[in-house]
Amino acid sequence: MTARIIDGAALSQRIREEVAQRVSALAEKGTRPGLAVVLVGA
């Protein structure tokens, strides 16, 4: 298997753009996305 160099900055930018598009699509339909955290254990 050969090594592959990943440009983290470019990858994160693409992910942010994709998430922004999905959030916009949800907002147009009247759904407001949110973020939740579930803590498990003590």
Protein backbone atom coordinates (compact mmCIF):
# COMPACT_ATOMS: atom_id res chain seq x y z
CA MET A 1 0.00 0.00 0.00
CA THR A 2 1.43 3.36 -0.96
CA ALA A 3 1.32 6.41 1.26
CA ARG A 4 -1.03 9.22 0.36
CA ILE A 5 -0.47 12.78 1.51
CA ILE A 6 -3.66 14.51 2.66
CA ASP A 7 -4.01 18.29 2.66
CA GLY A 8 -5.95 18.83 5.88
CA ALA A 9 -6.76 22.48 5.18
CA ALA A 10 -8.24 21.73 1.76
CA LEU A 11 -10.15 18.72 3.08
CA SER A 12 -11.63 20.69 5.97
CA GLN A 13 -12.68 23.46 3.57
CA ARG A 14 -14.52 20.97 1.35
CA ILE A 15 -16.25 19.44 4.38
CA ARG A 16 -17.30 22.87 5.66
CA GLU A 17 -18.73 23.79 2.24
CA GLU A 18 -20.68 20.53 2.03
CA VAL A 19 -22.08 20.96 5.55
CA ALA A 20 -23.04 24.58 4.78
CA GLN A 21 -24.97 23.42 1.69
CA ARG A 22 -26.80 20.77 3.68
CA VAL A 23 -27.65 23.22 6.46
CA SER A 24 -28.98 25.70 3.90
CA ALA A 25 -31.14 22.99 2.32
CA LEU A 26 -32.58 22.07 5.72
CA ALA A 27 -33.19 25.72 6.61
CA GLU A 28 -35.14 26.22 3.37
CA LYS A 29 -37.43 23.37 4.42
CA GLY A 30 -37.99 24.94 7.84
CA THR A 31 -35.77 22.58 9.82
CA ARG A 32 -33.18 24.21 12.04
CA PRO A 33 -30.21 21.89 12.55
CA GLY A 34 -28.59 21.69 15.97
CA LEU A 35 -25.81 19.94 17.80
CA ALA A 36 -26.26 17.58 20.74
CA VAL A 37 -23.78 15.89 23.05
CA VAL A 38 -24.47 12.64 24.88
CA LEU A 39 -22.21 11.88 27.85
CA VAL A 40 -21.92 8.21 28.79
CA GLY A 41 -20.37 6.96 32.01
CA ALA A 42 -19.32 8.68 35.17
